[in-house]
């Protein structure tokens, strides 16, 4: 059964697998925290996932990866960021 959510989870999981392959020494020596809005941990730790997700789950299982749900940026935090990063205009 295909769903849009499944496709998004596949994309995020594939990005994580590719990153782990390219950055293997870093993944092996450090705890990696993945911030995502997808329930990736739940999917990858499920023993009933289909083929390629199971392979990716096994491949990522050798690393110390922590998954945290990313929450939406609140309007005030975004406006504070814009104010802090704005270059002042010195013209009179």
PDB file of N, CA and C in Angstrom:
ATOM      1  N   UNK A   1       0.846  -1.181   0.000  1.00  0.00           N
ATOM      2  CA  UNK A   1       0.000   0.000   0.000  1.00  0.00           C
ATOM      3  C   UNK A   1       0.893   1.247   0.000  1.00  0.00           C
ATOM      4  N   UNK A   2       0.788   2.063  -1.060  1.00  0.00           N
ATOM      5  CA  UNK A   2       1.600   3.260  -1.204  1.00  0.00           C
ATOM      6  C   UNK A   2       0.891   4.434  -0.571  1.00  0.00           C
ATOM      7  N   UNK A   3       1.633   5.208   0.186  1.00  0.00           N
ATOM      8  CA  UNK A   3       1.114   6.446   0.760  1.00  0.00           C
ATOM      9  C   UNK A   3       2.175   7.516   0.636  1.00  0.00           C
ATOM     10  N   UNK A   4       1.727   8.745   0.639  1.00  0.00           N
ATOM     11  CA  UNK A   4       2.664   9.868   0.524  1.00  0.00           C
ATOM     12  C   UNK A   4       3.639   9.899   1.697  1.00  0.00           C
ATOM     13  N   UNK A   5       3.147   9.585   2.910  1.00  0.00           N
ATOM     14  CA  UNK A   5       4.010   9.574   4.091  1.00  0.00           C
ATOM     15  C   UNK A   5       5.129   8.552   3.943  1.00  0.00           C
ATOM     16  N   UNK A   6       4.796   7.399   3.379  1.00  0.00           N
ATOM     17  CA  UNK A   6       5.793   6.348   3.193  1.00  0.00           C
ATOM     18  C   UNK A   6       6.898   6.819   2.261  1.00  0.00           C
ATOM     19  N   UNK A   7       6.531   7.524   1.205  1.00  0.00           N
ATOM     20  CA  UNK A   7       7.519   8.046   0.267  1.00  0.00           C
ATOM     21  C   UNK A   7       8.448   9.048   0.954  1.00  0.00           C
ATOM     22  N   UNK A   8       7.900   9.916   1.789  1.00  0.00           N
ATOM     23  CA  UNK A   8       8.715  10.893   2.514  1.00  0.00           C
ATOM     24  C   UNK A   8       9.671  10.201   3.487  1.00  0.00           C
ATOM     25  N   UNK A   9       9.185   9.187   4.185  1.00  0.00           N
ATOM     26  CA  UNK A   9      10.041   8.446   5.119  1.00  0.00           C
ATOM     27  C   UNK A   9      11.160   7.752   4.358  1.00  0.00           C
ATOM     28  N   UNK A  10      10.842   7.185   3.190  1.00  0.00           N
ATOM     29  CA  UNK A  10      11.868   6.551   2.358  1.00  0.00           C
ATOM     30  C   UNK A  10      12.949   7.556   1.965  1.00  0.00           C
ATOM     31  N   UNK A  11      12.544   8.759   1.588  1.00  0.00           N
ATOM     32  CA  UNK A  11      13.513   9.787   1.187  1.00  0.00           C
ATOM     33  C   UNK A  11      14.436  10.161   2.345  1.00  0.00           C
ATOM     34  N   UNK A  12      13.850  10.352   3.519  1.00  0.00           N
ATOM     35  CA  UNK A  12      14.650  10.731   4.690  1.00  0.00           C
ATOM     36  C   UNK A  12      15.587   9.590   5.079  1.00  0.00           C
ATOM     37  N   UNK A  13      15.079   8.367   5.048  1.00  0.00           N
ATOM     38  CA  UNK A  13      15.905   7.207   5.399  1.00  0.00           C
ATOM     39  C   UNK A  13      17.054   7.045   4.408  1.00  0.00           C
ATOM     40  N   UNK A  14      16.782   7.217   3.124  1.00  0.00           N
ATOM     41  CA  UNK A  14      17.839   7.103   2.117  1.00  0.00           C
ATOM     42  C   UNK A  14      18.895   8.190   2.307  1.00  0.00           C
ATOM     43  N   UNK A  15      18.463   9.403   2.616  1.00  0.00           N
ATOM     44  CA  UNK A  15      19.420  10.487   2.869  1.00  0.00           C
ATOM     45  C   UNK A  15      20.309  10.156   4.061  1.00  0.00           C
ATOM     46  N   UNK A  16      19.722   9.559   5.089  1.00  0.00           N
ATOM     47  CA  UNK A  16      20.496   9.181   6.272  1.00  0.00           C
ATOM     48  C   UNK A  16      21.486   8.068   5.942  1.00  0.00           C
ATOM     49  N   UNK A  17      21.061   7.094   5.155  1.00  0.00           N
ATOM     50  CA  UNK A  17      21.949   5.989   4.766  1.00  0.00           C
ATOM     51  C   UNK A  17      23.115   6.509   3.929  1.00  0.00           C
ATOM     52  N   UNK A  18      22.834   7.370   2.973  1.00  0.00           N
ATOM     53  CA  UNK A  18      23.904   7.927   2.129  1.00  0.00           C
ATOM     54  C   UNK A  18      24.876   8.746   2.980  1.00  0.00           C
ATOM     55  N   UNK A  19      24.342   9.535   3.911  1.00  0.00           N
ATOM     56  CA  UNK A  19      25.207  10.313   4.806  1.00  0.00           C
ATOM     57  C   UNK A  19      26.071   9.403   5.661  1.00  0.00           C
ATOM     58  N   UNK A  20      25.478   8.326   6.167  1.00  0.00           N
ATOM     59  CA  UNK A  20      26.230   7.391   7.011  1.00  0.00           C
ATOM     60  C   UNK A  20      27.338   6.708   6.219  1.00  0.00           C
ATOM     61  N   UNK A  21      27.080   6.408   4.971  1.00  0.00           N
ATOM     62  CA  UNK A  21      28.109   5.769   4.135  1.00  0.00           C
ATOM     63  C   UNK A  21      29.266   6.723   3.863  1.00  0.00           C
ATOM     64  N   UNK A  22      28.945   7.967   3.556  1.00  0.00           N
ATOM     65  CA  UNK A  22      29.993   8.940   3.225  1.00  0.00           C
ATOM     66  C   UNK A  22      30.752   9.422   4.461  1.00  0.00           C
ATOM     67  N   UNK A  23      30.065   9.466   5.593  1.00  0.00           N
ATOM     68  CA  UNK A  23      30.669   9.987   6.821  1.00  0.00           C
ATOM     69  C   UNK A  23      30.870   8.889   7.862  1.00  0.00           C
ATOM     70  N   UNK A  24      31.144   7.685   7.403  1.00  0.00           N
ATOM     71  CA  UNK A  24      31.258   6.517   8.279  1.00  0.00           C
ATOM     72  C   UNK A  24      32.163   6.742   9.492  1.00  0.00           C
ATOM     73  N   UNK A  25      33.362   7.312   9.356  1.00  0.00           N
ATOM     74  CA  UNK A  25      34.214   7.502  10.540  1.00  0.00           C
ATOM     75  C   UNK A  25      33.551   8.371  11.613  1.00  0.00           C
ATOM     76  N   UNK A  26      32.809   9.382  11.184  1.00  0.00           N
ATOM     77  CA  UNK A  26      32.136  10.258  12.142  1.00  0.00           C
ATOM     78  C   UNK A  26      30.972   9.537  12.815  1.00  0.00           C
ATOM     79  N   UNK A  27      30.222   8.777  12.029  1.00  0.00           N
ATOM     80  CA  UNK A  27      29.100   8.025  12.585  1.00  0.00           C
ATOM     81  C   UNK A  27      29.593   6.957  13.560  1.00  0.00           C
ATOM     82  N   UNK A  28      30.770   6.383  13.303  1.00  0.00           N
ATOM     83  CA  UNK A  28      31.303   5.338  14.175  1.00  0.00           C
ATOM     84  C   UNK A  28      31.851   5.900  15.484  1.00  0.00           C
ATOM     85  N   UNK A  29      32.350   7.125  15.455  1.00  0.00           N
ATOM     86  CA  UNK A  29      33.010   7.648  16.653  1.00  0.00           C
ATOM     87  C   UNK A  29      32.163   8.619  17.472  1.00  0.00           C
ATOM     88  N   UNK A  30      31.011   9.014  16.968  1.00  0.00           N
ATOM     89  CA  UNK A  30      30.178   9.983  17.679  1.00  0.00           C
ATOM     90  C   UNK A  30      28.719   9.549  17.687  1.00  0.00           C
ATOM     91  N   UNK A  31      27.988  10.067  18.653  1.00  0.00           N
ATOM     92  CA  UNK A  31      26.538   9.905  18.644  1.00  0.00           C
ATOM     93  C   UNK A  31      25.970  10.915  17.659  1.00  0.00           C
ATOM     94  N   UNK A  32      25.118  10.456  16.779  1.00  0.00           N
ATOM     95  CA  UNK A  32      24.520  11.313  15.763  1.00  0.00           C
ATOM     96  C   UNK A  32      23.069  11.572  16.155  1.00  0.00           C
ATOM     97  N   UNK A  33      22.682  12.833  16.167  1.00  0.00           N
ATOM     98  CA  UNK A  33      21.299  13.200  16.474  1.00  0.00           C
ATOM     99  C   UNK A  33      20.631  13.633  15.170  1.00  0.00           C
ATOM    100  N   UNK A  34      19.549  12.962  14.831  1.00  0.00           N
ATOM    101  CA  UNK A  34      18.815  13.252  13.602  1.00  0.00           C
ATOM    102  C   UNK A  34      17.536  13.991  13.974  1.00  0.00           C
ATOM    103  N   UNK A  35      17.415  15.226  13.499  1.00  0.00           N
ATOM    104  CA  UNK A  35      16.201  16.011  13.710  1.00  0.00           C
ATOM    105  C   UNK A  35      15.332  15.876  12.466  1.00  0.00           C
ATOM    106  N   UNK A  36      14.134  15.356  12.625  1.00  0.00           N
ATOM    107  CA  UNK A  36      13.248  15.158  11.487  1.00  0.00           C
ATOM    108  C   UNK A  36      11.802  15.275  11.921  1.00  0.00           C
ATOM    109  N   UNK A  37      10.958  15.613  10.966  1.00  0.00           N
ATOM    110  CA  UNK A  37       9.529  15.664  11.253  1.00  0.00           C
ATOM    111  C   UNK A  37       8.843  14.350  10.876  1.00  0.00           C
ATOM    112  N   UNK A  38       9.627  13.362  10.475  1.00  0.00           N
ATOM    113  CA  UNK A  38       9.112  12.038  10.115  1.00  0.00           C
ATOM    114  C   UNK A  38       9.353  11.059  11.268  1.00  0.00           C
ATOM    115  N   UNK A  39       8.451  10.092  11.463  1.00  0.00           N
ATOM    116  CA  UNK A  39       8.640   9.097  12.537  1.00  0.00           C
ATOM    117  C   UNK A  39       9.649   8.028  12.130  1.00  0.00           C
ATOM    118  N   UNK A  40      10.855   8.449  11.838  1.00  0.00           N
ATOM    119  CA  UNK A  40      11.877   7.570  11.279  1.00  0.00           C
ATOM    120  C   UNK A  40      12.302   6.469  12.239  1.00  0.00           C
ATOM    121  N   UNK A  41      12.471   6.798  13.500  1.00  0.00           N
ATOM    122  CA  UNK A  41      12.912   5.798  14.473  1.00  0.00           C
ATOM    123  C   UNK A  41      11.897   4.668  14.579  1.00  0.00           C
ATOM    124  N   UNK A  42      10.640   5.025  14.635  1.00  0.00           N
ATOM    125  CA  UNK A  42       9.581   4.025  14.756  1.00  0.00           C
ATOM    126  C   UNK A  42       9.572   3.089  13.547  1.00  0.00           C
ATOM    127  N   UNK A  43       9.785   3.638  12.374  1.00  0.00           N
ATOM    128  CA  UNK A  43       9.778   2.834  11.150  1.00  0.00           C
ATOM    129  C   UNK A  43      11.005   1.936  11.085  1.00  0.00           C
ATOM    130  N   UNK A  44      12.184   2.483  11.378  1.00  0.00           N
ATOM    131  CA  UNK A  44      13.413   1.700  11.246  1.00  0.00           C
ATOM    132  C   UNK A  44      13.562   0.634  12.328  1.00  0.00           C
ATOM    133  N   UNK A  45      12.926   0.824  13.466  1.00  0.00           N
ATOM    134  CA  UNK A  45      13.026  -0.176  14.538  1.00  0.00           C
ATOM    135  C   UNK A  45      11.904  -1.206  14.467  1.00  0.00           C
ATOM    136  N   UNK A  46      11.009  -1.063  13.508  1.00  0.00           N
ATOM    137  CA  UNK A  46       9.912  -2.002  13.319  1.00  0.00           C
ATOM    138  C   UNK A  46      10.425  -3.226  12.556  1.00  0.00           C
ATOM    139  N   UNK A  47      10.262  -4.438  13.102  1.00  0.00           N
ATOM    140  CA  UNK A  47      10.777  -5.629  12.416  1.00  0.00           C
ATOM    141  C   UNK A  47       9.963  -6.036  11.192  1.00  0.00           C
ATOM    142  N   UNK A  48       8.816  -5.412  10.971  1.00  0.00           N
ATOM    143  CA  UNK A  48       7.955  -5.797   9.852  1.00  0.00           C
ATOM    144  C   UNK A  48       8.036  -4.849   8.664  1.00  0.00           C
ATOM    145  N   UNK A  49       9.087  -4.049   8.574  1.00  0.00           N
ATOM    146  CA  UNK A  49       9.201  -3.125   7.447  1.00  0.00           C
ATOM    147  C   UNK A  49       9.612  -3.890   6.194  1.00  0.00           C
ATOM    148  N   UNK A  50       9.222  -3.408   5.019  1.00  0.00           N
ATOM    149  CA  UNK A  50       9.558  -4.102   3.778  1.00  0.00           C
ATOM    150  C   UNK A  50      11.045  -4.025   3.433  1.00  0.00           C
ATOM    151  N   UNK A  51      11.456  -4.802   2.464  1.00  0.00           N
ATOM    152  CA  UNK A  51      12.808  -5.035   1.979  1.00  0.00           C
ATOM    153  C   UNK A  51      13.870  -3.992   2.192  1.00  0.00           C
ATOM    154  N   UNK A  52      13.860  -2.941   1.388  1.00  0.00           N
ATOM    155  CA  UNK A  52      14.984  -2.001   1.438  1.00  0.00           C
ATOM    156  C   UNK A  52      15.037  -1.244   2.756  1.00  0.00           C
ATOM    157  N   UNK A  53      13.885  -0.941   3.361  1.00  0.00           N
ATOM    158  CA  UNK A  53      13.909  -0.285   4.671  1.00  0.00           C
ATOM    159  C   UNK A  53      14.539  -1.193   5.718  1.00  0.00           C
ATOM    160  N   UNK A  54      14.303  -2.490   5.609  1.00  0.00           N
ATOM    161  CA  UNK A  54      14.925  -3.443   6.536  1.00  0.00           C
ATOM    162  C   UNK A  54      16.442  -3.441   6.344  1.00  0.00           C
ATOM    163  N   UNK A  55      16.891  -3.434   5.094  1.00  0.00           N
ATOM    164  CA  UNK A  55      18.333  -3.390   4.820  1.00  0.00           C
ATOM    165  C   UNK A  55      18.955  -2.112   5.382  1.00  0.00           C
ATOM    166  N   UNK A  56      18.279  -0.991   5.186  1.00  0.00           N
ATOM    167  CA  UNK A  56      18.781   0.277   5.703  1.00  0.00           C
ATOM    168  C   UNK A  56      18.789   0.271   7.222  1.00  0.00           C
ATOM    169  N   UNK A  57      17.767  -0.320   7.807  1.00  0.00           N
ATOM    170  CA  UNK A  57      17.679  -0.401   9.267  1.00  0.00           C
ATOM    171  C   UNK A  57      18.855  -1.182   9.842  1.00  0.00           C
ATOM    172  N   UNK A  58      19.191  -2.291   9.195  1.00  0.00           N
ATOM    173  CA  UNK A  58      20.331  -3.101   9.642  1.00  0.00           C
ATOM    174  C   UNK A  58      21.632  -2.316   9.468  1.00  0.00           C
ATOM    175  N   UNK A  59      21.767  -1.638   8.341  1.00  0.00           N
ATOM    176  CA  UNK A  59      22.984  -0.862   8.069  1.00  0.00           C
ATOM    177  C   UNK A  59      23.155   0.280   9.076  1.00  0.00           C
ATOM    178  N   UNK A  60      22.062   0.956   9.413  1.00  0.00           N
ATOM    179  CA  UNK A  60      22.134   2.070  10.360  1.00  0.00           C
ATOM    180  C   UNK A  60      22.215   1.598  11.801  1.00  0.00           C
ATOM    181  N   UNK A  61      21.869   0.340  12.045  1.00  0.00           N
ATOM    182  CA  UNK A  61      21.864  -0.198  13.396  1.00  0.00           C
ATOM    183  C   UNK A  61      23.232  -0.269  14.042  1.00  0.00           C
ATOM    184  N   UNK A  62      24.278  -0.241  13.249  1.00  0.00           N
ATOM    185  CA  UNK A  62      25.628  -0.315  13.816  1.00  0.00           C
ATOM    186  C   UNK A  62      26.093   1.019  14.404  1.00  0.00           C
ATOM    187  N   UNK A  63      25.361   2.085  14.139  1.00  0.00           N
ATOM    188  CA  UNK A  63      25.749   3.409  14.616  1.00  0.00           C
ATOM    189  C   UNK A  63      24.896   3.817  15.810  1.00  0.00           C
ATOM    190  N   UNK A  64      25.439   4.749  16.605  1.00  0.00           N
ATOM    191  CA  UNK A  64      24.699   5.305  17.735  1.00  0.00           C
ATOM    192  C   UNK A  64      23.934   6.531  17.234  1.00  0.00           C
ATOM    193  N   UNK A  65      22.699   6.295  16.796  1.00  0.00           N
ATOM    194  CA  UNK A  65      21.878   7.359  16.225  1.00  0.00           C
ATOM    195  C   UNK A  65      20.691   7.612  17.143  1.00  0.00           C
ATOM    196  N   UNK A  66      20.494   8.864  17.493  1.00  0.00           N
ATOM    197  CA  UNK A  66      19.336   9.290  18.286  1.00  0.00           C
ATOM    198  C   UNK A  66      18.415  10.079  17.367  1.00  0.00           C
ATOM    199  N   UNK A  67      17.145   9.821  17.463  1.00  0.00           N
ATOM    200  CA  UNK A  67      16.157  10.505  16.627  1.00  0.00           C
ATOM    201  C   UNK A  67      15.336  11.446  17.497  1.00  0.00           C
ATOM    202  N   UNK A  68      15.195  12.683  17.042  1.00  0.00           N
ATOM    203  CA  UNK A  68      14.374  13.665  17.749  1.00  0.00           C
ATOM    204  C   UNK A  68      13.404  14.275  16.747  1.00  0.00           C
ATOM    205  N   UNK A  69      12.165  14.399  17.179  1.00  0.00           N
ATOM    206  CA  UNK A  69      11.182  15.039  16.319  1.00  0.00           C
ATOM    207  C   UNK A  69      11.443  16.534  16.273  1.00  0.00           C
ATOM    208  N   UNK A  70      11.472  17.055  15.084  1.00  0.00           N
ATOM    209  CA  UNK A  70      11.684  18.489  14.894  1.00  0.00           C
ATOM    210  C   UNK A  70      10.331  19.184  14.971  1.00  0.00           C
ATOM    211  N   UNK A  71      10.251  20.178  15.800  1.00  0.00           N
ATOM    212  CA  UNK A  71       9.010  20.931  15.916  1.00  0.00           C
ATOM    213  C   UNK A  71       9.076  22.157  15.017  1.00  0.00           C
ATOM    214  N   UNK A  72       7.946  22.700  14.715  1.00  0.00           N
ATOM    215  CA  UNK A  72       7.885  23.886  13.864  1.00  0.00           C
ATOM    216  C   UNK A  72       8.499  25.079  14.587  1.00  0.00           C
ATOM    217  N   UNK A  73       9.096  25.960  13.822  1.00  0.00           N
ATOM    218  CA  UNK A  73       9.679  27.172  14.391  1.00  0.00           C
ATOM    219  C   UNK A  73       8.542  28.131  14.728  1.00  0.00           C
ATOM    220  N   UNK A  74       8.539  28.599  15.919  1.00  0.00           N
ATOM    221  CA  UNK A  74       7.524  29.564  16.333  1.00  0.00           C
ATOM    222  C   UNK A  74       7.822  30.920  15.687  1.00  0.00           C
ATOM    223  N   UNK A  75       6.800  31.690  15.473  1.00  0.00           N
ATOM    224  CA  UNK A  75       6.943  32.977  14.792  1.00  0.00           C
ATOM    225  C   UNK A  75       7.905  33.904  15.532  1.00  0.00           C
ATOM    226  N   UNK A  76       7.850  33.914  16.856  1.00  0.00           N
ATOM    227  CA  UNK A  76       8.719  34.805  17.624  1.00  0.00           C
ATOM    228  C   UNK A  76      10.187  34.413  17.468  1.00  0.00           C
ATOM    229  N   UNK A  77      10.472  33.129  17.487  1.00  0.00           N
ATOM    230  CA  UNK A  77      11.853  32.673  17.331  1.00  0.00           C
ATOM    231  C   UNK A  77      12.390  33.050  15.955  1.00  0.00           C
ATOM    232  N   UNK A  78      11.555  32.925  14.948  1.00  0.00           N
ATOM    233  CA  UNK A  78      11.975  33.286  13.599  1.00  0.00           C
ATOM    234  C   UNK A  78      12.228  34.787  13.491  1.00  0.00           C
ATOM    235  N   UNK A  79      11.358  35.595  14.060  1.00  0.00           N
ATOM    236  CA  UNK A  79      11.560  37.047  13.994  1.00  0.00           C
ATOM    237  C   UNK A  79      12.797  37.467  14.791  1.00  0.00           C
ATOM    238  N   UNK A  80      13.061  36.815  15.926  1.00  0.00           N
ATOM    239  CA  UNK A  80      14.286  37.104  16.690  1.00  0.00           C
ATOM    240  C   UNK A  80      15.528  36.783  15.869  1.00  0.00           C
ATOM    241  N   UNK A  81      15.489  35.682  15.159  1.00  0.00           N
ATOM    242  CA  UNK A  81      16.613  35.286  14.313  1.00  0.00           C
ATOM    243  C   UNK A  81      16.851  36.324  13.218  1.00  0.00           C
ATOM    244  N   UNK A  82      15.787  36.785  12.581  1.00  0.00           N
ATOM    245  CA  UNK A  82      15.919  37.781  11.517  1.00  0.00           C
ATOM    246  C   UNK A  82      16.510  39.073  12.067  1.00  0.00           C
ATOM    247  N   UNK A  83      16.067  39.487  13.241  1.00  0.00           N
ATOM    248  CA  UNK A  83      16.586  40.716  13.852  1.00  0.00           C
ATOM    249  C   UNK A  83      18.069  40.565  14.175  1.00  0.00           C
ATOM    250  N   UNK A  84      18.460  39.434  14.724  1.00  0.00           N
ATOM    251  CA  UNK A  84      19.862  39.221  15.104  1.00  0.00           C
ATOM    252  C   UNK A  84      20.782  39.126  13.896  1.00  0.00           C
ATOM    253  N   UNK A  85      20.289  38.626  12.799  1.00  0.00           N
ATOM    254  CA  UNK A  85      21.140  38.407  11.626  1.00  0.00           C
ATOM    255  C   UNK A  85      21.065  39.529  10.598  1.00  0.00           C
ATOM    256  N   UNK A  86      20.280  40.544  10.867  1.00  0.00           N
ATOM    257  CA  UNK A  86      20.162  41.655   9.929  1.00  0.00           C
ATOM    258  C   UNK A  86      21.355  42.585  10.088  1.00  0.00           C
ATOM    259  N   UNK A  87      21.937  42.953   8.975  1.00  0.00           N
ATOM    260  CA  UNK A  87      23.073  43.876   8.980  1.00  0.00           C
ATOM    261  C   UNK A  87      22.520  45.293   9.108  1.00  0.00           C
ATOM    262  N   UNK A  88      23.012  46.072  10.082  1.00  0.00           N
ATOM    263  CA  UNK A  88      22.481  47.430  10.271  1.00  0.00           C
ATOM    264  C   UNK A  88      22.816  48.329   9.090  1.00  0.00           C
ATOM    265  N   UNK A  89      21.880  49.192   8.774  1.00  0.00           N
ATOM    266  CA  UNK A  89      22.059  50.157   7.691  1.00  0.00           C
ATOM    267  C   UNK A  89      22.603  51.445   8.294  1.00  0.00           C
ATOM    268  N   UNK A  90      23.834  51.815   7.964  1.00  0.00           N
ATOM    269  CA  UNK A  90      24.491  52.978   8.560  1.00  0.00           C
ATOM    270  C   UNK A  90      24.259  54.271   7.788  1.00  0.00           C
ATOM    271  N   UNK A  91      23.457  54.261   6.745  1.00  0.00           N
ATOM    272  CA  UNK A  91      23.230  55.484   5.978  1.00  0.00           C
ATOM    273  C   UNK A  91      22.219  56.372   6.691  1.00  0.00           C
ATOM    274  N   UNK A  92      22.432  57.720   6.655  1.00  0.00           N
ATOM    275  CA  UNK A  92      21.522  58.647   7.349  1.00  0.00           C
ATOM    276  C   UNK A  92      20.211  58.829   6.631  1.00  0.00           C
TER     277      UNK A  92
END
